[in-house]
PDB file of all heavy atoms in Angstrom:
ATOM      1  N   TRP A   1       2.502 -10.312  18.952  1.00  0.00           N
ATOM      2  CA  TRP A   1       3.553  -9.263  18.972  1.00  0.00           C
ATOM      3  C   TRP A   1       3.413  -8.414  17.697  1.00  0.00           C
ATOM      4  O   TRP A   1       2.637  -8.768  16.799  1.00  0.00           O
ATOM      5  CB  TRP A   1       4.952  -9.874  19.086  1.00  0.00           C
ATOM      6  CG  TRP A   1       5.296 -10.846  17.956  1.00  0.00           C
ATOM      7  CD1 TRP A   1       5.955 -10.527  16.789  1.00  0.00           C
ATOM      8  CD2 TRP A   1       5.104 -12.241  17.918  1.00  0.00           C
ATOM      9  NE1 TRP A   1       6.099 -11.634  15.993  1.00  0.00           N
ATOM     10  CE2 TRP A   1       5.585 -12.743  16.657  1.00  0.00           C
ATOM     11  CE3 TRP A   1       4.458 -13.115  18.813  1.00  0.00           C
ATOM     12  CZ2 TRP A   1       5.537 -14.072  16.336  1.00  0.00           C
ATOM     13  CZ3 TRP A   1       4.385 -14.523  18.365  1.00  0.00           C
ATOM     14  CH2 TRP A   1       4.908 -14.948  17.203  1.00  0.00           C
ATOM     15  N   PRO A   2       4.072  -7.228  17.613  1.00  0.00           N
ATOM     16  CA  PRO A   2       3.919  -6.350  16.449  1.00  0.00           C
ATOM     17  C   PRO A   2       4.272  -7.090  15.169  1.00  0.00           C
ATOM     18  O   PRO A   2       5.308  -7.775  15.068  1.00  0.00           O
ATOM     19  CB  PRO A   2       4.893  -5.254  16.750  1.00  0.00           C
ATOM     20  CG  PRO A   2       5.042  -5.207  18.231  1.00  0.00           C
ATOM     21  CD  PRO A   2       4.909  -6.659  18.655  1.00  0.00           C
ATOM     22  N   GLY A   3       3.399  -6.911  14.155  1.00  0.00           N
ATOM     23  CA  GLY A   3       3.633  -7.573  12.882  1.00  0.00           C
ATOM     24  C   GLY A   3       4.083  -6.701  11.789  1.00  0.00           C
ATOM     25  O   GLY A   3       4.637  -5.646  12.071  1.00  0.00           O
ATOM     26  N   LEU A   4       3.837  -7.064  10.559  1.00  0.00           N
ATOM     27  CA  LEU A   4       4.327  -6.309   9.390  1.00  0.00           C
ATOM     28  C   LEU A   4       3.454  -5.052   9.191  1.00  0.00           C
ATOM     29  O   LEU A   4       2.332  -4.952   9.690  1.00  0.00           O
ATOM     30  CB  LEU A   4       4.339  -7.146   8.156  1.00  0.00           C
ATOM     31  CG  LEU A   4       2.983  -7.717   7.663  1.00  0.00           C
ATOM     32  CD1 LEU A   4       2.292  -6.751   6.738  1.00  0.00           C
ATOM     33  CD2 LEU A   4       3.191  -9.058   6.950  1.00  0.00           C
ATOM     34  N   THR A   5       3.986  -4.144   8.471  1.00  0.00           N
ATOM     35  CA  THR A   5       3.188  -3.016   7.982  1.00  0.00           C
ATOM     36  C   THR A   5       3.377  -2.937   6.475  1.00  0.00           C
ATOM     37  O   THR A   5       4.381  -3.441   5.898  1.00  0.00           O
ATOM     38  CB  THR A   5       3.643  -1.675   8.572  1.00  0.00           C
ATOM     39  OG1 THR A   5       4.871  -1.300   8.047  1.00  0.00           O
ATOM     40  CG2 THR A   5       3.760  -1.789  10.083  1.00  0.00           C
ATOM     41  N   ALA A   6       2.402  -2.376   5.774  1.00  0.00           N
ATOM     42  CA  ALA A   6       2.495  -2.247   4.303  1.00  0.00           C
ATOM     43  C   ALA A   6       1.899  -0.950   3.867  1.00  0.00           C
ATOM     44  O   ALA A   6       0.806  -0.552   4.364  1.00  0.00           O
ATOM     45  CB  ALA A   6       1.813  -3.409   3.628  1.00  0.00           C
ATOM     46  N   ASP A   7       2.542  -0.231   2.917  1.00  0.00           N
ATOM     47  CA  ASP A   7       2.044   0.990   2.405  1.00  0.00           C
ATOM     48  C   ASP A   7       0.984   0.733   1.346  1.00  0.00           C
ATOM     49  O   ASP A   7       1.293   0.205   0.282  1.00  0.00           O
ATOM     50  CB  ASP A   7       3.235   1.789   1.772  1.00  0.00           C
ATOM     51  CG  ASP A   7       2.797   3.114   1.193  1.00  0.00           C
ATOM     52  OD1 ASP A   7       1.731   3.617   1.547  1.00  0.00           O
ATOM     53  OD2 ASP A   7       3.594   3.668   0.361  1.00  0.00           O
ATOM     54  N   THR A   8      -0.266   1.165   1.613  1.00  0.00           N
ATOM     55  CA  THR A   8      -1.297   0.955   0.660  1.00  0.00           C
ATOM     56  C   THR A   8      -1.176   1.757  -0.618  1.00  0.00           C
ATOM     57  O   THR A   8      -1.833   1.491  -1.625  1.00  0.00           O
ATOM     58  CB  THR A   8      -2.726   1.221   1.272  1.00  0.00           C
ATOM     59  OG1 THR A   8      -2.821   2.614   1.662  1.00  0.00           O
ATOM     60  CG2 THR A   8      -2.913   0.321   2.497  1.00  0.00           C
ATOM     61  N   LEU A   9      -0.328   2.744  -0.599  1.00  0.00           N
ATOM     62  CA  LEU A   9      -0.017   3.554  -1.766  1.00  0.00           C
ATOM     63  C   LEU A   9       1.144   2.940  -2.616  1.00  0.00           C
ATOM     64  O   LEU A   9       1.412   3.349  -3.736  1.00  0.00           O
ATOM     65  CB  LEU A   9       0.439   4.979  -1.399  1.00  0.00           C
ATOM     66  CG  LEU A   9      -0.620   5.803  -0.692  1.00  0.00           C
ATOM     67  CD1 LEU A   9      -0.019   7.185  -0.259  1.00  0.00           C
ATOM     68  CD2 LEU A   9      -1.832   6.021  -1.558  1.00  0.00           C
ATOM     69  N   GLY A  10       1.783   1.917  -1.998  1.00  0.00           N
ATOM     70  CA  GLY A  10       2.969   1.306  -2.671  1.00  0.00           C
ATOM     71  C   GLY A  10       2.752  -0.157  -2.990  1.00  0.00           C
ATOM     72  O   GLY A  10       1.662  -0.583  -3.414  1.00  0.00           O
ATOM     73  N   SER A  11       3.802  -0.913  -2.748  1.00  0.00           N
ATOM     74  CA  SER A  11       3.798  -2.331  -3.100  1.00  0.00           C
ATOM     75  C   SER A  11       3.970  -3.228  -1.801  1.00  0.00           C
ATOM     76  O   SER A  11       4.495  -2.792  -0.822  1.00  0.00           O
ATOM     77  CB  SER A  11       4.920  -2.666  -4.111  1.00  0.00           C
ATOM     78  OG  SER A  11       4.778  -1.923  -5.272  1.00  0.00           O
ATOM     79  N   TYR A  12       3.534  -4.455  -1.949  1.00  0.00           N
ATOM     80  CA  TYR A  12       3.770  -5.449  -0.933  1.00  0.00           C
ATOM     81  C   TYR A  12       4.247  -6.708  -1.631  1.00  0.00           C
ATOM     82  O   TYR A  12       3.599  -7.215  -2.560  1.00  0.00           O
ATOM     83  CB  TYR A  12       2.501  -5.750  -0.150  1.00  0.00           C
ATOM     84  CG  TYR A  12       2.637  -6.849   0.863  1.00  0.00           C
ATOM     85  CD1 TYR A  12       3.439  -6.693   1.988  1.00  0.00           C
ATOM     86  CD2 TYR A  12       1.973  -8.080   0.695  1.00  0.00           C
ATOM     87  CE1 TYR A  12       3.576  -7.712   2.903  1.00  0.00           C
ATOM     88  CE2 TYR A  12       2.131  -9.079   1.604  1.00  0.00           C
ATOM     89  CZ  TYR A  12       2.924  -8.915   2.717  1.00  0.00           C
ATOM     90  OH  TYR A  12       3.082  -9.923   3.626  1.00  0.00           O
ATOM     91  N   ARG A  13       5.412  -7.164  -1.255  1.00  0.00           N
ATOM     92  CA  ARG A  13       6.107  -8.295  -1.930  1.00  0.00           C
ATOM     93  C   ARG A  13       6.152  -8.111  -3.435  1.00  0.00           C
ATOM     94  O   ARG A  13       5.789  -8.971  -4.225  1.00  0.00           O
ATOM     95  CB  ARG A  13       5.335  -9.612  -1.573  1.00  0.00           C
ATOM     96  CG  ARG A  13       5.495  -9.970  -0.101  1.00  0.00           C
ATOM     97  CD  ARG A  13       4.823 -11.288   0.228  1.00  0.00           C
ATOM     98  NE  ARG A  13       5.066 -11.671   1.643  1.00  0.00           N
ATOM     99  CZ  ARG A  13       4.482 -12.684   2.275  1.00  0.00           C
ATOM    100  NH1 ARG A  13       3.686 -13.521   1.558  1.00  0.00           N
ATOM    101  NH2 ARG A  13       4.733 -12.943   3.502  1.00  0.00           N
ATOM    102  N   ASP A  14       6.591  -6.915  -3.800  1.00  0.00           N
ATOM    103  CA  ASP A  14       6.860  -6.556  -5.186  1.00  0.00           C
ATOM    104  C   ASP A  14       5.618  -6.495  -6.060  1.00  0.00           C
ATOM    105  O   ASP A  14       5.686  -6.440  -7.323  1.00  0.00           O
ATOM    106  CB  ASP A  14       7.845  -7.530  -5.866  1.00  0.00           C
ATOM    107  CG  ASP A  14       9.195  -7.527  -5.149  1.00  0.00           C
ATOM    108  OD1 ASP A  14       9.644  -6.482  -4.698  1.00  0.00           O
ATOM    109  OD2 ASP A  14       9.781  -8.634  -5.015  1.00  0.00           O
ATOM    110  N   LYS A  15       4.450  -6.419  -5.474  1.00  0.00           N
ATOM    111  CA  LYS A  15       3.171  -6.255  -6.247  1.00  0.00           C
ATOM    112  C   LYS A  15       2.456  -5.027  -5.678  1.00  0.00           C
ATOM    113  O   LYS A  15       2.380  -4.820  -4.489  1.00  0.00           O
ATOM    114  CB  LYS A  15       2.319  -7.491  -6.094  1.00  0.00           C
ATOM    115  CG  LYS A  15       2.891  -8.716  -6.769  1.00  0.00           C
ATOM    116  CD  LYS A  15       1.961  -9.916  -6.655  1.00  0.00           C
ATOM    117  CE  LYS A  15       2.564 -11.121  -7.327  1.00  0.00           C
ATOM    118  NZ  LYS A  15       1.603 -12.328  -7.214  1.00  0.00           N
ATOM    119  N   PRO A  16       1.819  -4.217  -6.572  1.00  0.00           N
ATOM    120  CA  PRO A  16       1.081  -3.066  -6.087  1.00  0.00           C
ATOM    121  C   PRO A  16      -0.062  -3.470  -5.141  1.00  0.00           C
ATOM    122  O   PRO A  16      -0.764  -4.439  -5.445  1.00  0.00           O
ATOM    123  CB  PRO A  16       0.504  -2.450  -7.347  1.00  0.00           C
ATOM    124  CG  PRO A  16       1.365  -3.006  -8.458  1.00  0.00           C
ATOM    125  CD  PRO A  16       1.845  -4.333  -8.063  1.00  0.00           C
ATOM    126  N   VAL A  17      -0.196  -2.785  -4.019  1.00  0.00           N
ATOM    127  CA  VAL A  17      -1.245  -3.077  -3.141  1.00  0.00           C
ATOM    128  C   VAL A  17      -2.616  -2.762  -3.732  1.00  0.00           C
ATOM    129  O   VAL A  17      -3.526  -3.495  -3.668  1.00  0.00           O
ATOM    130  CB  VAL A  17      -1.076  -2.377  -1.805  1.00  0.00           C
ATOM    131  CG1 VAL A  17      -2.302  -2.590  -0.877  1.00  0.00           C
ATOM    132  CG2 VAL A  17       0.147  -2.800  -1.057  1.00  0.00           C
ATOM    133  N   LEU A  18      -2.677  -1.570  -4.411  1.00  0.00           N
ATOM    134  CA  LEU A  18      -3.909  -1.152  -5.093  1.00  0.00           C
ATOM    135  C   LEU A  18      -3.721  -1.024  -6.623  1.00  0.00           C
ATOM    136  O   LEU A  18      -2.767  -0.373  -7.038  1.00  0.00           O
ATOM    137  CB  LEU A  18      -4.321   0.197  -4.531  1.00  0.00           C
ATOM    138  CG  LEU A  18      -4.707   0.262  -3.053  1.00  0.00           C
ATOM    139  CD1 LEU A  18      -4.938   1.722  -2.647  1.00  0.00           C
ATOM    140  CD2 LEU A  18      -5.987  -0.585  -2.805  1.00  0.00           C
ATOM    141  N   THR A  19      -4.530  -1.715  -7.299  1.00  0.00           N
ATOM    142  CA  THR A  19      -4.541  -1.535  -8.790  1.00  0.00           C
ATOM    143  C   THR A  19      -5.931  -1.024  -9.156  1.00  0.00           C
ATOM    144  O   THR A  19      -6.932  -1.691  -8.905  1.00  0.00           O
ATOM    145  CB  THR A  19      -4.303  -2.865  -9.476  1.00  0.00           C
ATOM    146  OG1 THR A  19      -3.054  -3.384  -9.124  1.00  0.00           O
ATOM    147  CG2 THR A  19      -4.310  -2.705 -10.995  1.00  0.00           C
ATOM    148  N   ILE A  20      -5.988   0.220  -9.685  1.00  0.00           N
ATOM    149  CA  ILE A  20      -7.235   0.897  -9.947  1.00  0.00           C
ATOM    150  C   ILE A  20      -7.386   1.179 -11.455  1.00  0.00           C
ATOM    151  O   ILE A  20      -6.437   1.637 -12.063  1.00  0.00           O
ATOM    152  CB  ILE A  20      -7.360   2.169  -9.177  1.00  0.00           C
ATOM    153  CG1 ILE A  20      -7.125   1.933  -7.655  1.00  0.00           C
ATOM    154  CG2 ILE A  20      -8.691   2.884  -9.379  1.00  0.00           C
ATOM    155  CD1 ILE A  20      -7.036   3.166  -6.826  1.00  0.00           C
ATOM    156  N   SER A  21      -8.559   0.817 -11.956  1.00  0.00           N
ATOM    157  CA  SER A  21      -8.787   1.133 -13.404  1.00  0.00           C
ATOM    158  C   SER A  21     -10.123   1.833 -13.533  1.00  0.00           C
ATOM    159  O   SER A  21     -10.982   1.800 -12.657  1.00  0.00           O
ATOM    160  CB  SER A  21      -8.827  -0.198 -14.215  1.00  0.00           C
ATOM    161  OG  SER A  21      -9.838  -1.062 -13.707  1.00  0.00           O
ATOM    162  N   GLY A  22     -10.319   2.534 -14.710  1.00  0.00           N
ATOM    163  CA  GLY A  22     -11.564   3.222 -14.961  1.00  0.00           C
ATOM    164  C   GLY A  22     -11.588   4.689 -14.577  1.00  0.00           C
ATOM    165  O   GLY A  22     -12.616   5.364 -14.713  1.00  0.00           O
ATOM    166  N   ALA A  23     -10.470   5.235 -14.060  1.00  0.00           N
ATOM    167  CA  ALA A  23     -10.412   6.596 -13.719  1.00  0.00           C
ATOM    168  C   ALA A  23      -8.930   7.023 -13.691  1.00  0.00           C
ATOM    169  O   ALA A  23      -8.009   6.188 -13.491  1.00  0.00           O
ATOM    170  CB  ALA A  23     -10.985   6.828 -12.346  1.00  0.00           C
ATOM    171  N   PRO A  24      -8.605   8.294 -13.948  1.00  0.00           N
ATOM    172  CA  PRO A  24      -7.241   8.780 -13.897  1.00  0.00           C
ATOM    173  C   PRO A  24      -6.658   8.648 -12.481  1.00  0.00           C
ATOM    174  O   PRO A  24      -7.375   8.862 -11.496  1.00  0.00           O
ATOM    175  CB  PRO A  24      -7.338  10.275 -14.309  1.00  0.00           C
ATOM    176  CG  PRO A  24      -8.724  10.417 -14.940  1.00  0.00           C
ATOM    177  CD  PRO A  24      -9.545   9.388 -14.296  1.00  0.00           C
ATOM    178  N   LEU A  25      -5.367   8.330 -12.433  1.00  0.00           N
ATOM    179  CA  LEU A  25      -4.684   8.171 -11.122  1.00  0.00           C
ATOM    180  C   LEU A  25      -3.641   9.196 -10.939  1.00  0.00           C
ATOM    181  O   LEU A  25      -3.119   9.762 -11.909  1.00  0.00           O
ATOM    182  CB  LEU A  25      -4.035   6.759 -11.007  1.00  0.00           C
ATOM    183  CG  LEU A  25      -4.943   5.570 -11.158  1.00  0.00           C
ATOM    184  CD1 LEU A  25      -4.122   4.266 -10.948  1.00  0.00           C
ATOM    185  CD2 LEU A  25      -6.070   5.601 -10.106  1.00  0.00           C
ATOM    186  N   ARG A  26      -3.405   9.527  -9.665  1.00  0.00           N
ATOM    187  CA  ARG A  26      -2.420  10.540  -9.333  1.00  0.00           C
ATOM    188  C   ARG A  26      -1.110   9.915  -8.909  1.00  0.00           C
ATOM    189  O   ARG A  26      -1.109   8.804  -8.426  1.00  0.00           O
ATOM    190  CB  ARG A  26      -2.886  11.368  -8.091  1.00  0.00           C
ATOM    191  CG  ARG A  26      -4.256  12.017  -8.229  1.00  0.00           C
ATOM    192  CD  ARG A  26      -4.662  12.668  -6.938  1.00  0.00           C
ATOM    193  NE  ARG A  26      -3.686  13.661  -6.499  1.00  0.00           N
ATOM    194  CZ  ARG A  26      -2.789  13.434  -5.469  1.00  0.00           C
ATOM    195  NH1 ARG A  26      -2.757  12.312  -4.816  1.00  0.00           N
ATOM    196  NH2 ARG A  26      -1.950  14.421  -5.148  1.00  0.00           N
ATOM    197  N   SER A  27      -0.054  10.650  -9.026  1.00  0.00           N
ATOM    198  CA  SER A  27       1.239  10.254  -8.384  1.00  0.00           C
ATOM    199  C   SER A  27       1.169  10.740  -6.952  1.00  0.00           C
ATOM    200  O   SER A  27       0.746  11.881  -6.705  1.00  0.00           O
ATOM    201  CB  SER A  27       2.413  10.898  -9.116  1.00  0.00           C
ATOM    202  OG  SER A  27       2.503  10.363 -10.388  1.00  0.00           O
ATOM    203  N   THR A  28       1.556   9.894  -6.003  1.00  0.00           N
ATOM    204  CA  THR A  28       1.434  10.279  -4.595  1.00  0.00           C
ATOM    205  C   THR A  28       2.807  10.311  -3.918  1.00  0.00           C
ATOM    206  O   THR A  28       3.783   9.694  -4.376  1.00  0.00           O
ATOM    207  CB  THR A  28       0.562   9.254  -3.854  1.00  0.00           C
ATOM    208  OG1 THR A  28       1.186   7.935  -3.984  1.00  0.00           O
ATOM    209  CG2 THR A  28      -0.847   9.212  -4.472  1.00  0.00           C
ATOM    210  N   THR A  29       2.884  11.044  -2.829  1.00  0.00           N
ATOM    211  CA  THR A  29       4.036  11.009  -1.947  1.00  0.00           C
ATOM    212  C   THR A  29       3.548  10.627  -0.565  1.00  0.00           C
ATOM    213  O   THR A  29       2.382  10.618  -0.301  1.00  0.00           O
ATOM    214  CB  THR A  29       4.683  12.444  -1.868  1.00  0.00           C
ATOM    215  OG1 THR A  29       3.777  13.388  -1.327  1.00  0.00           O
ATOM    216  CG2 THR A  29       5.135  12.851  -3.278  1.00  0.00           C
ATOM    217  N   GLY A  30       4.528  10.379   0.294  1.00  0.00           N
ATOM    218  CA  GLY A  30       4.168   9.978   1.652  1.00  0.00           C
ATOM    219  C   GLY A  30       3.668   8.485   1.650  1.00  0.00           C
ATOM    220  O   GLY A  30       3.737   7.792   0.572  1.00  0.00           O
ATOM    221  N   GLU A  31       3.245   7.975   2.798  1.00  0.00           N
ATOM    222  CA  GLU A  31       2.799   6.609   2.908  1.00  0.00           C
ATOM    223  C   GLU A  31       1.551   6.521   3.745  1.00  0.00           C
ATOM    224  O   GLU A  31       1.308   7.346   4.695  1.00  0.00           O
ATOM    225  CB  GLU A  31       3.880   5.785   3.507  1.00  0.00           C
ATOM    226  CG  GLU A  31       5.131   5.661   2.684  1.00  0.00           C
ATOM    227  CD  GLU A  31       6.214   4.812   3.385  1.00  0.00           C
ATOM    228  OE1 GLU A  31       5.969   4.277   4.469  1.00  0.00           O
ATOM    229  OE2 GLU A  31       7.303   4.649   2.784  1.00  0.00           O
ATOM    230  N   LEU A  32       0.705   5.553   3.466  1.00  0.00           N
ATOM    231  CA  LEU A  32      -0.470   5.202   4.248  1.00  0.00           C
ATOM    232  C   LEU A  32      -0.341   3.722   4.566  1.00  0.00           C
ATOM    233  O   LEU A  32      -0.688   2.874   3.822  1.00  0.00           O
ATOM    234  CB  LEU A  32      -1.759   5.475   3.464  1.00  0.00           C
ATOM    235  CG  LEU A  32      -2.091   6.939   3.180  1.00  0.00           C
ATOM    236  CD1 LEU A  32      -3.170   7.081   2.135  1.00  0.00           C
ATOM    237  CD2 LEU A  32      -2.532   7.630   4.466  1.00  0.00           C
ATOM    238  N   ARG A  33       0.217   3.434   5.796  1.00  0.00           N
ATOM    239  CA  ARG A  33       0.571   2.069   6.093  1.00  0.00           C
ATOM    240  C   ARG A  33      -0.492   1.402   6.967  1.00  0.00           C
ATOM    241  O   ARG A  33      -0.924   1.903   8.029  1.00  0.00           O
ATOM    242  CB  ARG A  33       1.911   2.032   6.835  1.00  0.00           C
ATOM    243  CG  ARG A  33       3.043   2.698   6.077  1.00  0.00           C
ATOM    244  CD  ARG A  33       4.421   2.405   6.721  1.00  0.00           C
ATOM    245  NE  ARG A  33       4.869   1.070   6.468  1.00  0.00           N
ATOM    246  CZ  ARG A  33       5.521   0.704   5.326  1.00  0.00           C
ATOM    247  NH1 ARG A  33       5.801   1.610   4.383  1.00  0.00           N
ATOM    248  NH2 ARG A  33       5.889  -0.514   5.158  1.00  0.00           N
ATOM    249  N   MET A  34      -0.935   0.245   6.441  1.00  0.00           N
ATOM    250  CA  MET A  34      -1.769  -0.641   7.287  1.00  0.00           C
ATOM    251  C   MET A  34      -0.798  -1.478   8.129  1.00  0.00           C
ATOM    252  O   MET A  34       0.346  -1.647   7.823  1.00  0.00           O
ATOM    253  CB  MET A  34      -2.620  -1.562   6.431  1.00  0.00           C
ATOM    254  CG  MET A  34      -1.894  -2.407   5.356  1.00  0.00           C
ATOM    255  SD  MET A  34      -0.978  -3.852   5.972  1.00  0.00           S
ATOM    256  CE  MET A  34      -2.360  -4.878   6.464  1.00  0.00           C
ATOM    257  N   VAL A  35      -1.264  -1.849   9.336  1.00  0.00           N
ATOM    258  CA  VAL A  35      -0.411  -2.546  10.301  1.00  0.00           C
ATOM    259  C   VAL A  35      -1.089  -3.837  10.757  1.00  0.00           C
ATOM    260  O   VAL A  35      -2.324  -4.020  10.732  1.00  0.00           O
ATOM    261  CB  VAL A  35      -0.109  -1.677  11.525  1.00  0.00           C
ATOM    262  CG1 VAL A  35       0.688  -0.455  11.077  1.00  0.00           C
ATOM    263  CG2 VAL A  35      -1.400  -1.230  12.202  1.00  0.00           C
ATOM    264  N   THR A  36      -0.264  -4.803  11.208  1.00  0.00           N
ATOM    265  CA  THR A  36      -0.768  -6.084  11.623  1.00  0.00           C
ATOM    266  C   THR A  36      -0.149  -6.502  12.928  1.00  0.00           C
ATOM    267  O   THR A  36       0.826  -5.865  13.395  1.00  0.00           O
ATOM    268  CB  THR A  36      -0.501  -7.180  10.585  1.00  0.00           C
ATOM    269  OG1 THR A  36       0.945  -7.412  10.545  1.00  0.00           O
ATOM    270  CG2 THR A  36      -0.935  -6.851   9.170  1.00  0.00           C
ATOM    271  N   ILE A  37      -0.707  -7.501  13.516  1.00  0.00           N
ATOM    272  CA  ILE A  37      -0.005  -8.187  14.617  1.00  0.00           C
ATOM    273  C   ILE A  37       0.278  -9.665  14.199  1.00  0.00           C
ATOM    274  O   ILE A  37      -0.411 -10.145  13.301  1.00  0.00           O
ATOM    275  CB  ILE A  37      -0.797  -8.176  15.944  1.00  0.00           C
ATOM    276  CG1 ILE A  37      -2.165  -8.871  15.769  1.00  0.00           C
ATOM    277  CG2 ILE A  37      -0.972  -6.775  16.471  1.00  0.00           C
ATOM    278  CD1 ILE A  37      -2.941  -8.990  17.016  1.00  0.00           C
ATOM    279  N   THR A  38       1.278 -10.225  14.777  1.00  0.00           N
ATOM    280  CA  THR A  38       1.616 -11.611  14.480  1.00  0.00           C
ATOM    281  C   THR A  38       1.333 -12.454  15.763  1.00  0.00           C
ATOM    282  O   THR A  38       1.459 -11.958  16.866  1.00  0.00           O
ATOM    283  CB  THR A  38       3.113 -11.755  14.116  1.00  0.00           C
ATOM    284  OG1 THR A  38       3.361 -10.919  13.017  1.00  0.00           O
ATOM    285  CG2 THR A  38       3.482 -13.174  13.782  1.00  0.00           C
TER     286      THR A  38
END
């Protein structure tokens, strides 16, 4: 059945989904959500 979704630009369970180092980062708006099934 339909599972959880998570914004790859944001956090999942209070932790950033993406942590990037070595280059300047932008502030973003909107969401890019990955989706799952259970």
